[in-house]
Amino acid sequence: TGEGKTLAAVAPAIFAGLNGKSLVVTVNDYLAQRDADGVGQVARYLGLKVGLASPNATIEEKRVAYNADIVYASNQQVGFDYLRDQLA
């Protein structure tokens, strides 16, 4: 559907990022990339670090992404990363 869910998530994500950490989970990698690039500009303007856990990232790149104030990732990516970290 439209952009309503994306825009509705901006304020809570930034608020959580300002108070610790925020994980924004999308349904696919395209939306995670789009939101990290587009909506992430607002967070970066406020001095927050924005990370993207993408499937093509190396382990070190994902570590940096997950340590950001606001992390964007697909539900599939979060699941795979969690299992990889727990089973390793």
PDB file of N, CA and C in Angstrom:
ATOM      1  N   THR A   1       0.845  -1.188   0.000  1.00  0.00           N
ATOM      2  CA  THR A   1       0.000   0.000   0.000  1.00  0.00           C
ATOM      3  C   THR A   1       0.880   1.237   0.000  1.00  0.00           C
ATOM      4  N   GLY A   2       0.411   2.336   0.512  1.00  0.00           N
ATOM      5  CA  GLY A   2       1.131   3.612   0.403  1.00  0.00           C
ATOM      6  C   GLY A   2       2.257   3.801   1.394  1.00  0.00           C
ATOM      7  N   GLU A   3       2.655   5.030   1.574  1.00  0.00           N
ATOM      8  CA  GLU A   3       3.793   5.399   2.418  1.00  0.00           C
ATOM      9  C   GLU A   3       3.419   5.613   3.875  1.00  0.00           C
ATOM     10  N   GLY A   4       2.182   5.387   4.258  1.00  0.00           N
ATOM     11  CA  GLY A   4       1.749   5.680   5.620  1.00  0.00           C
ATOM     12  C   GLY A   4       2.541   4.968   6.691  1.00  0.00           C
ATOM     13  N   LYS A   5       2.827   3.683   6.488  1.00  0.00           N
ATOM     14  CA  LYS A   5       3.558   2.918   7.508  1.00  0.00           C
ATOM     15  C   LYS A   5       4.983   3.430   7.642  1.00  0.00           C
ATOM     16  N   THR A   6       5.613   3.768   6.534  1.00  0.00           N
ATOM     17  CA  THR A   6       6.980   4.289   6.575  1.00  0.00           C
ATOM     18  C   THR A   6       7.037   5.585   7.351  1.00  0.00           C
ATOM     19  N   LEU A   7       6.132   6.499   7.043  1.00  0.00           N
ATOM     20  CA  LEU A   7       6.134   7.790   7.721  1.00  0.00           C
ATOM     21  C   LEU A   7       5.731   7.669   9.179  1.00  0.00           C
ATOM     22  N   ALA A   8       4.829   6.755   9.478  1.00  0.00           N
ATOM     23  CA  ALA A   8       4.403   6.563  10.863  1.00  0.00           C
ATOM     24  C   ALA A   8       5.527   6.001  11.731  1.00  0.00           C
ATOM     25  N   ALA A   9       6.483   5.321  11.132  1.00  0.00           N
ATOM     26  CA  ALA A   9       7.577   4.704  11.888  1.00  0.00           C
ATOM     27  C   ALA A   9       8.744   5.651  12.139  1.00  0.00           C
ATOM     28  N   VAL A  10       8.763   6.814  11.479  1.00  0.00           N
ATOM     29  CA  VAL A  10       9.908   7.721  11.602  1.00  0.00           C
ATOM     30  C   VAL A  10      10.082   8.212  13.040  1.00  0.00           C
ATOM     31  N   ALA A  11       9.052   8.798  13.625  1.00  0.00           N
ATOM     32  CA  ALA A  11       9.174   9.367  14.969  1.00  0.00           C
ATOM     33  C   ALA A  11       9.530   8.317  16.019  1.00  0.00           C
ATOM     34  N   PRO A  12       8.843   7.167  16.065  1.00  0.00           N
ATOM     35  CA  PRO A  12       9.228   6.165  17.068  1.00  0.00           C
ATOM     36  C   PRO A  12      10.657   5.647  16.878  1.00  0.00           C
ATOM     37  N   ALA A  13      11.075   5.479  15.625  1.00  0.00           N
ATOM     38  CA  ALA A  13      12.441   4.988  15.371  1.00  0.00           C
ATOM     39  C   ALA A  13      13.476   5.996  15.852  1.00  0.00           C
ATOM     40  N   ILE A  14      13.244   7.273  15.574  1.00  0.00           N
ATOM     41  CA  ILE A  14      14.186   8.302  16.014  1.00  0.00           C
ATOM     42  C   ILE A  14      14.168   8.428  17.527  1.00  0.00           C
ATOM     43  N   PHE A  15      12.988   8.395  18.124  1.00  0.00           N
ATOM     44  CA  PHE A  15      12.892   8.481  19.583  1.00  0.00           C
ATOM     45  C   PHE A  15      13.650   7.328  20.246  1.00  0.00           C
ATOM     46  N   ALA A  16      13.444   6.124  19.741  1.00  0.00           N
ATOM     47  CA  ALA A  16      14.151   4.962  20.295  1.00  0.00           C
ATOM     48  C   ALA A  16      15.651   5.080  20.050  1.00  0.00           C
ATOM     49  N   GLY A  17      16.045   5.594  18.868  1.00  0.00           N
ATOM     50  CA  GLY A  17      17.461   5.778  18.570  1.00  0.00           C
ATOM     51  C   GLY A  17      18.117   6.797  19.481  1.00  0.00           C
ATOM     52  N   LEU A  18      17.382   7.839  19.827  1.00  0.00           N
ATOM     53  CA  LEU A  18      17.918   8.857  20.738  1.00  0.00           C
ATOM     54  C   LEU A  18      18.057   8.319  22.152  1.00  0.00           C
ATOM     55  N   ASN A  19      17.263   7.310  22.485  1.00  0.00           N
ATOM     56  CA  ASN A  19      17.273   6.743  23.829  1.00  0.00           C
ATOM     57  C   ASN A  19      17.985   5.398  23.920  1.00  0.00           C
ATOM     58  N   GLY A  20      18.727   5.048  22.920  1.00  0.00           N
ATOM     59  CA  GLY A  20      19.442   3.774  22.956  1.00  0.00           C
ATOM     60  C   GLY A  20      19.606   3.175  21.584  1.00  0.00           C
ATOM     61  N   LYS A  21      18.679   2.301  21.211  1.00  0.00           N
ATOM     62  CA  LYS A  21      18.811   1.600  19.944  1.00  0.00           C
ATOM     63  C   LYS A  21      17.443   1.350  19.353  1.00  0.00           C
ATOM     64  N   SER A  22      17.385   1.362  18.022  1.00  0.00           N
ATOM     65  CA  SER A  22      16.123   1.141  17.320  1.00  0.00           C
ATOM     66  C   SER A  22      16.362   0.177  16.169  1.00  0.00           C
ATOM     67  N   LEU A  23      15.513  -0.833  16.064  1.00  0.00           N
ATOM     68  CA  LEU A  23      15.575  -1.778  14.953  1.00  0.00           C
ATOM     69  C   LEU A  23      14.281  -1.660  14.162  1.00  0.00           C
ATOM     70  N   VAL A  24      14.395  -1.247  12.907  1.00  0.00           N
ATOM     71  CA  VAL A  24      13.237  -1.123  12.036  1.00  0.00           C
ATOM     72  C   VAL A  24      13.263  -2.302  11.072  1.00  0.00           C
ATOM     73  N   VAL A  25      12.280  -3.173  11.203  1.00  0.00           N
ATOM     74  CA  VAL A  25      12.226  -4.388  10.399  1.00  0.00           C
ATOM     75  C   VAL A  25      11.199  -4.206   9.291  1.00  0.00           C
ATOM     76  N   THR A  26      11.629  -4.467   8.056  1.00  0.00           N
ATOM     77  CA  THR A  26      10.748  -4.355   6.897  1.00  0.00           C
ATOM     78  C   THR A  26      10.490  -5.754   6.336  1.00  0.00           C
ATOM     79  N   VAL A  27       9.611  -5.829   5.348  1.00  0.00           N
ATOM     80  CA  VAL A  27       9.274  -7.137   4.792  1.00  0.00           C
ATOM     81  C   VAL A  27      10.251  -7.603   3.710  1.00  0.00           C
ATOM     82  N   ASN A  28      11.068  -6.689   3.168  1.00  0.00           N
ATOM     83  CA  ASN A  28      12.049  -7.121   2.172  1.00  0.00           C
ATOM     84  C   ASN A  28      13.265  -6.193   2.176  1.00  0.00           C
ATOM     85  N   ASP A  29      14.321  -6.631   1.504  1.00  0.00           N
ATOM     86  CA  ASP A  29      15.581  -5.892   1.501  1.00  0.00           C
ATOM     87  C   ASP A  29      15.474  -4.559   0.761  1.00  0.00           C
ATOM     88  N   TYR A  30      14.630  -4.516  -0.264  1.00  0.00           N
ATOM     89  CA  TYR A  30      14.451  -3.258  -1.003  1.00  0.00           C
ATOM     90  C   TYR A  30      13.923  -2.160  -0.081  1.00  0.00           C
ATOM     91  N   LEU A  31      12.906  -2.479   0.718  1.00  0.00           N
ATOM     92  CA  LEU A  31      12.329  -1.477   1.623  1.00  0.00           C
ATOM     93  C   LEU A  31      13.312  -1.071   2.709  1.00  0.00           C
ATOM     94  N   ALA A  32      14.105  -2.013   3.196  1.00  0.00           N
ATOM     95  CA  ALA A  32      15.112  -1.682   4.201  1.00  0.00           C
ATOM     96  C   ALA A  32      16.124  -0.696   3.623  1.00  0.00           C
ATOM     97  N   GLN A  33      16.578  -0.947   2.406  1.00  0.00           N
ATOM     98  CA  GLN A  33      17.528  -0.052   1.741  1.00  0.00           C
ATOM     99  C   GLN A  33      16.893   1.318   1.488  1.00  0.00           C
ATOM    100  N   ARG A  34      15.662   1.316   0.974  1.00  0.00           N
ATOM    101  CA  ARG A  34      14.969   2.568   0.676  1.00  0.00           C
ATOM    102  C   ARG A  34      14.797   3.413   1.931  1.00  0.00           C
ATOM    103  N   ASP A  35      14.365   2.780   3.010  1.00  0.00           N
ATOM    104  CA  ASP A  35      14.124   3.523   4.243  1.00  0.00           C
ATOM    105  C   ASP A  35      15.429   3.993   4.888  1.00  0.00           C
ATOM    106  N   ALA A  36      16.469   3.169   4.845  1.00  0.00           N
ATOM    107  CA  ALA A  36      17.756   3.578   5.401  1.00  0.00           C
ATOM    108  C   ALA A  36      18.302   4.785   4.643  1.00  0.00           C
ATOM    109  N   ASP A  37      18.125   4.791   3.326  1.00  0.00           N
ATOM    110  CA  ASP A  37      18.612   5.916   2.520  1.00  0.00           C
ATOM    111  C   ASP A  37      17.742   7.154   2.678  1.00  0.00           C
ATOM    112  N   GLY A  38      16.432   6.967   2.563  1.00  0.00           N
ATOM    113  CA  GLY A  38      15.516   8.106   2.567  1.00  0.00           C
ATOM    114  C   GLY A  38      15.195   8.619   3.952  1.00  0.00           C
ATOM    115  N   VAL A  39      14.563   7.787   4.749  1.00  0.00           N
ATOM    116  CA  VAL A  39      14.151   8.187   6.089  1.00  0.00           C
ATOM    117  C   VAL A  39      15.370   8.372   6.990  1.00  0.00           C
ATOM    118  N   GLY A  40      16.423   7.616   6.714  1.00  0.00           N
ATOM    119  CA  GLY A  40      17.647   7.733   7.502  1.00  0.00           C
ATOM    120  C   GLY A  40      18.272   9.110   7.452  1.00  0.00           C
ATOM    121  N   GLN A  41      17.954   9.886   6.436  1.00  0.00           N
ATOM    122  CA  GLN A  41      18.487  11.254   6.336  1.00  0.00           C
ATOM    123  C   GLN A  41      18.024  12.103   7.516  1.00  0.00           C
ATOM    124  N   VAL A  42      16.797  11.905   7.955  1.00  0.00           N
ATOM    125  CA  VAL A  42      16.273  12.655   9.100  1.00  0.00           C
ATOM    126  C   VAL A  42      17.078  12.297  10.350  1.00  0.00           C
ATOM    127  N   ALA A  43      17.320  11.018  10.560  1.00  0.00           N
ATOM    128  CA  ALA A  43      18.077  10.574  11.732  1.00  0.00           C
ATOM    129  C   ALA A  43      19.517  11.085  11.669  1.00  0.00           C
ATOM    130  N   ARG A  44      20.132  11.019  10.502  1.00  0.00           N
ATOM    131  CA  ARG A  44      21.506  11.504  10.361  1.00  0.00           C
ATOM    132  C   ARG A  44      21.588  13.005  10.645  1.00  0.00           C
ATOM    133  N   TYR A  45      20.578  13.732  10.224  1.00  0.00           N
ATOM    134  CA  TYR A  45      20.528  15.175  10.483  1.00  0.00           C
ATOM    135  C   TYR A  45      20.527  15.444  11.989  1.00  0.00           C
ATOM    136  N   LEU A  46      19.907  14.567  12.746  1.00  0.00           N
ATOM    137  CA  LEU A  46      19.843  14.702  14.205  1.00  0.00           C
ATOM    138  C   LEU A  46      21.065  14.121  14.900  1.00  0.00           C
ATOM    139  N   GLY A  47      22.034  13.660  14.118  1.00  0.00           N
ATOM    140  CA  GLY A  47      23.281  13.149  14.679  1.00  0.00           C
ATOM    141  C   GLY A  47      23.274  11.675  15.027  1.00  0.00           C
ATOM    142  N   LEU A  48      22.262  10.956  14.577  1.00  0.00           N
ATOM    143  CA  LEU A  48      22.197   9.525  14.851  1.00  0.00           C
ATOM    144  C   LEU A  48      22.917   8.734  13.754  1.00  0.00           C
ATOM    145  N   LYS A  49      23.452   7.597  14.134  1.00  0.00           N
ATOM    146  CA  LYS A  49      24.066   6.690  13.166  1.00  0.00           C
ATOM    147  C   LYS A  49      22.992   5.745  12.649  1.00  0.00           C
ATOM    148  N   VAL A  50      22.961   5.558  11.328  1.00  0.00           N
ATOM    149  CA  VAL A  50      21.975   4.692  10.692  1.00  0.00           C
ATOM    150  C   VAL A  50      22.694   3.524  10.045  1.00  0.00           C
ATOM    151  N   GLY A  51      22.238   2.312  10.326  1.00  0.00           N
ATOM    152  CA  GLY A  51      22.840   1.120   9.759  1.00  0.00           C
ATOM    153  C   GLY A  51      21.849   0.360   8.899  1.00  0.00           C
ATOM    154  N   LEU A  52      22.394  -0.382   7.951  1.00  0.00           N
ATOM    155  CA  LEU A  52      21.591  -1.239   7.082  1.00  0.00           C
ATOM    156  C   LEU A  52      22.197  -2.629   7.097  1.00  0.00           C
ATOM    157  N   ALA A  53      21.440  -3.601   7.556  1.00  0.00           N
ATOM    158  CA  ALA A  53      21.891  -4.996   7.540  1.00  0.00           C
ATOM    159  C   ALA A  53      21.391  -5.606   6.237  1.00  0.00           C
ATOM    160  N   SER A  54      22.259  -5.617   5.252  1.00  0.00           N
ATOM    161  CA  SER A  54      21.861  -6.137   3.942  1.00  0.00           C
ATOM    162  C   SER A  54      22.428  -7.542   3.741  1.00  0.00           C
ATOM    163  N   PRO A  55      21.809  -8.315   2.872  1.00  0.00           N
ATOM    164  CA  PRO A  55      22.280  -9.691   2.669  1.00  0.00           C
ATOM    165  C   PRO A  55      23.656  -9.767   2.015  1.00  0.00           C
ATOM    166  N   ASN A  56      24.069  -8.718   1.342  1.00  0.00           N
ATOM    167  CA  ASN A  56      25.366  -8.725   0.659  1.00  0.00           C
ATOM    168  C   ASN A  56      26.502  -8.220   1.542  1.00  0.00           C
ATOM    169  N   ALA A  57      26.195  -7.796   2.760  1.00  0.00           N
ATOM    170  CA  ALA A  57      27.216  -7.246   3.645  1.00  0.00           C
ATOM    171  C   ALA A  57      28.069  -8.355   4.254  1.00  0.00           C
ATOM    172  N   THR A  58      29.303  -8.016   4.529  1.00  0.00           N
ATOM    173  CA  THR A  58      30.194  -8.955   5.221  1.00  0.00           C
ATOM    174  C   THR A  58      29.820  -8.989   6.700  1.00  0.00           C
ATOM    175  N   ILE A  59      30.401  -9.919   7.419  1.00  0.00           N
ATOM    176  CA  ILE A  59      30.136 -10.027   8.858  1.00  0.00           C
ATOM    177  C   ILE A  59      30.530  -8.728   9.552  1.00  0.00           C
ATOM    178  N   GLU A  60      31.668  -8.166   9.199  1.00  0.00           N
ATOM    179  CA  GLU A  60      32.120  -6.914   9.825  1.00  0.00           C
ATOM    180  C   GLU A  60      31.189  -5.754   9.482  1.00  0.00           C
ATOM    181  N   GLU A  61      30.727  -5.677   8.244  1.00  0.00           N
ATOM    182  CA  GLU A  61      29.793  -4.615   7.855  1.00  0.00           C
ATOM    183  C   GLU A  61      28.470  -4.750   8.613  1.00  0.00           C
ATOM    184  N   LYS A  62      28.024  -5.985   8.833  1.00  0.00           N
ATOM    185  CA  LYS A  62      26.794  -6.192   9.602  1.00  0.00           C
ATOM    186  C   LYS A  62      27.002  -5.825  11.064  1.00  0.00           C
ATOM    187  N   ARG A  63      28.178  -6.112  11.601  1.00  0.00           N
ATOM    188  CA  ARG A  63      28.474  -5.746  12.987  1.00  0.00           C
ATOM    189  C   ARG A  63      28.393  -4.233  13.153  1.00  0.00           C
ATOM    190  N   VAL A  64      28.963  -3.506  12.212  1.00  0.00           N
ATOM    191  CA  VAL A  64      28.900  -2.039  12.248  1.00  0.00           C
ATOM    192  C   VAL A  64      27.450  -1.580  12.113  1.00  0.00           C
ATOM    193  N   ALA A  65      26.707  -2.186  11.195  1.00  0.00           N
ATOM    194  CA  ALA A  65      25.307  -1.803  10.984  1.00  0.00           C
ATOM    195  C   ALA A  65      24.480  -2.026  12.244  1.00  0.00           C
ATOM    196  N   TYR A  66      24.625  -3.183  12.873  1.00  0.00           N
ATOM    197  CA  TYR A  66      23.834  -3.494  14.062  1.00  0.00           C
ATOM    198  C   TYR A  66      24.246  -2.660  15.273  1.00  0.00           C
ATOM    199  N   ASN A  67      25.409  -2.034  15.234  1.00  0.00           N
ATOM    200  CA  ASN A  67      25.836  -1.161  16.332  1.00  0.00           C
ATOM    201  C   ASN A  67      25.383   0.277  16.144  1.00  0.00           C
ATOM    202  N   ALA A  68      24.707   0.578  15.042  1.00  0.00           N
ATOM    203  CA  ALA A  68      24.211   1.932  14.798  1.00  0.00           C
ATOM    204  C   ALA A  68      23.042   2.232  15.737  1.00  0.00           C
ATOM    205  N   ASP A  69      22.687   3.509  15.823  1.00  0.00           N
ATOM    206  CA  ASP A  69      21.560   3.923  16.667  1.00  0.00           C
ATOM    207  C   ASP A  69      20.236   3.415  16.106  1.00  0.00           C
ATOM    208  N   ILE A  70      20.087   3.472  14.782  1.00  0.00           N
ATOM    209  CA  ILE A  70      18.889   2.973  14.112  1.00  0.00           C
ATOM    210  C   ILE A  70      19.335   1.985  13.043  1.00  0.00           C
ATOM    211  N   VAL A  71      18.789   0.786  13.088  1.00  0.00           N
ATOM    212  CA  VAL A  71      19.163  -0.267  12.151  1.00  0.00           C
ATOM    213  C   VAL A  71      17.950  -0.623  11.300  1.00  0.00           C
ATOM    214  N   TYR A  72      18.140  -0.648   9.990  1.00  0.00           N
ATOM    215  CA  TYR A  72      17.105  -1.080   9.054  1.00  0.00           C
ATOM    216  C   TYR A  72      17.503  -2.447   8.510  1.00  0.00           C
ATOM    217  N   ALA A  73      16.549  -3.376   8.501  1.00  0.00           N
ATOM    218  CA  ALA A  73      16.813  -4.721   8.002  1.00  0.00           C
ATOM    219  C   ALA A  73      15.494  -5.383   7.640  1.00  0.00           C
ATOM    220  N   SER A  74      15.578  -6.371   6.770  1.00  0.00           N
ATOM    221  CA  SER A  74      14.376  -7.150   6.444  1.00  0.00           C
ATOM    222  C   SER A  74      14.174  -8.211   7.525  1.00  0.00           C
ATOM    223  N   ASN A  75      12.944  -8.681   7.653  1.00  0.00           N
ATOM    224  CA  ASN A  75      12.660  -9.713   8.644  1.00  0.00           C
ATOM    225  C   ASN A  75      13.477 -10.979   8.369  1.00  0.00           C
ATOM    226  N   GLN A  76      13.661 -11.306   7.108  1.00  0.00           N
ATOM    227  CA  GLN A  76      14.454 -12.475   6.732  1.00  0.00           C
ATOM    228  C   GLN A  76      15.907 -12.299   7.179  1.00  0.00           C
ATOM    229  N   GLN A  77      16.465 -11.105   6.960  1.00  0.00           N
ATOM    230  CA  GLN A  77      17.856 -10.845   7.312  1.00  0.00           C
ATOM    231  C   GLN A  77      18.064 -10.911   8.816  1.00  0.00           C
ATOM    232  N   VAL A  78      17.148 -10.328   9.572  1.00  0.00           N
ATOM    233  CA  VAL A  78      17.254 -10.366  11.033  1.00  0.00           C
ATOM    234  C   VAL A  78      17.211 -11.813  11.521  1.00  0.00           C
ATOM    235  N   GLY A  79      16.313 -12.605  10.958  1.00  0.00           N
ATOM    236  CA  GLY A  79      16.218 -14.016  11.345  1.00  0.00           C
ATOM    237  C   GLY A  79      17.487 -14.785  11.033  1.00  0.00           C
ATOM    238  N   PHE A  80      18.007 -14.627   9.822  1.00  0.00           N
ATOM    239  CA  PHE A  80      19.233 -15.344   9.440  1.00  0.00           C
ATOM    240  C   PHE A  80      20.425 -14.898  10.282  1.00  0.00           C
ATOM    241  N   ASP A  81      20.542 -13.592  10.519  1.00  0.00           N
ATOM    242  CA  ASP A  81      21.669 -13.098  11.312  1.00  0.00           C
ATOM    243  C   ASP A  81      21.589 -13.617  12.744  1.00  0.00           C
ATOM    244  N   TYR A  82      20.386 -13.637  13.291  1.00  0.00           N
ATOM    245  CA  TYR A  82      20.212 -14.152  14.662  1.00  0.00           C
ATOM    246  C   TYR A  82      20.606 -15.622  14.741  1.00  0.00           C
ATOM    247  N   LEU A  83      20.106 -16.422  13.814  1.00  0.00           N
ATOM    248  CA  LEU A  83      20.439 -17.853  13.817  1.00  0.00           C
ATOM    249  C   LEU A  83      21.934 -18.077  13.611  1.00  0.00           C
ATOM    250  N   ARG A  84      22.539 -17.335  12.681  1.00  0.00           N
ATOM    251  CA  ARG A  84      23.975 -17.484  12.450  1.00  0.00           C
ATOM    252  C   ARG A  84      24.771 -17.166  13.693  1.00  0.00           C
ATOM    253  N   ASP A  85      24.386 -16.080  14.396  1.00  0.00           N
ATOM    254  CA  ASP A  85      25.118 -15.694  15.591  1.00  0.00           C
ATOM    255  C   ASP A  85      24.901 -16.677  16.748  1.00  0.00           C
ATOM    256  N   GLN A  86      23.707 -17.243  16.851  1.00  0.00           N
ATOM    257  CA  GLN A  86      23.402 -18.150  17.956  1.00  0.00           C
ATOM    258  C   GLN A  86      23.953 -19.558  17.735  1.00  0.00           C
ATOM    259  N   LEU A  87      24.066 -19.963  16.480  1.00  0.00           N
ATOM    260  CA  LEU A  87      24.540 -21.314  16.177  1.00  0.00           C
ATOM    261  C   LEU A  87      26.037 -21.393  15.938  1.00  0.00           C
ATOM    262  N   ALA A  88      26.689 -20.241  15.849  1.00  0.00           N
ATOM    263  CA  ALA A  88      28.133 -20.212  15.563  1.00  0.00           C
ATOM    264  C   ALA A  88      28.945 -20.540  16.786  1.00  0.00           C
TER     265      ALA A  88
END
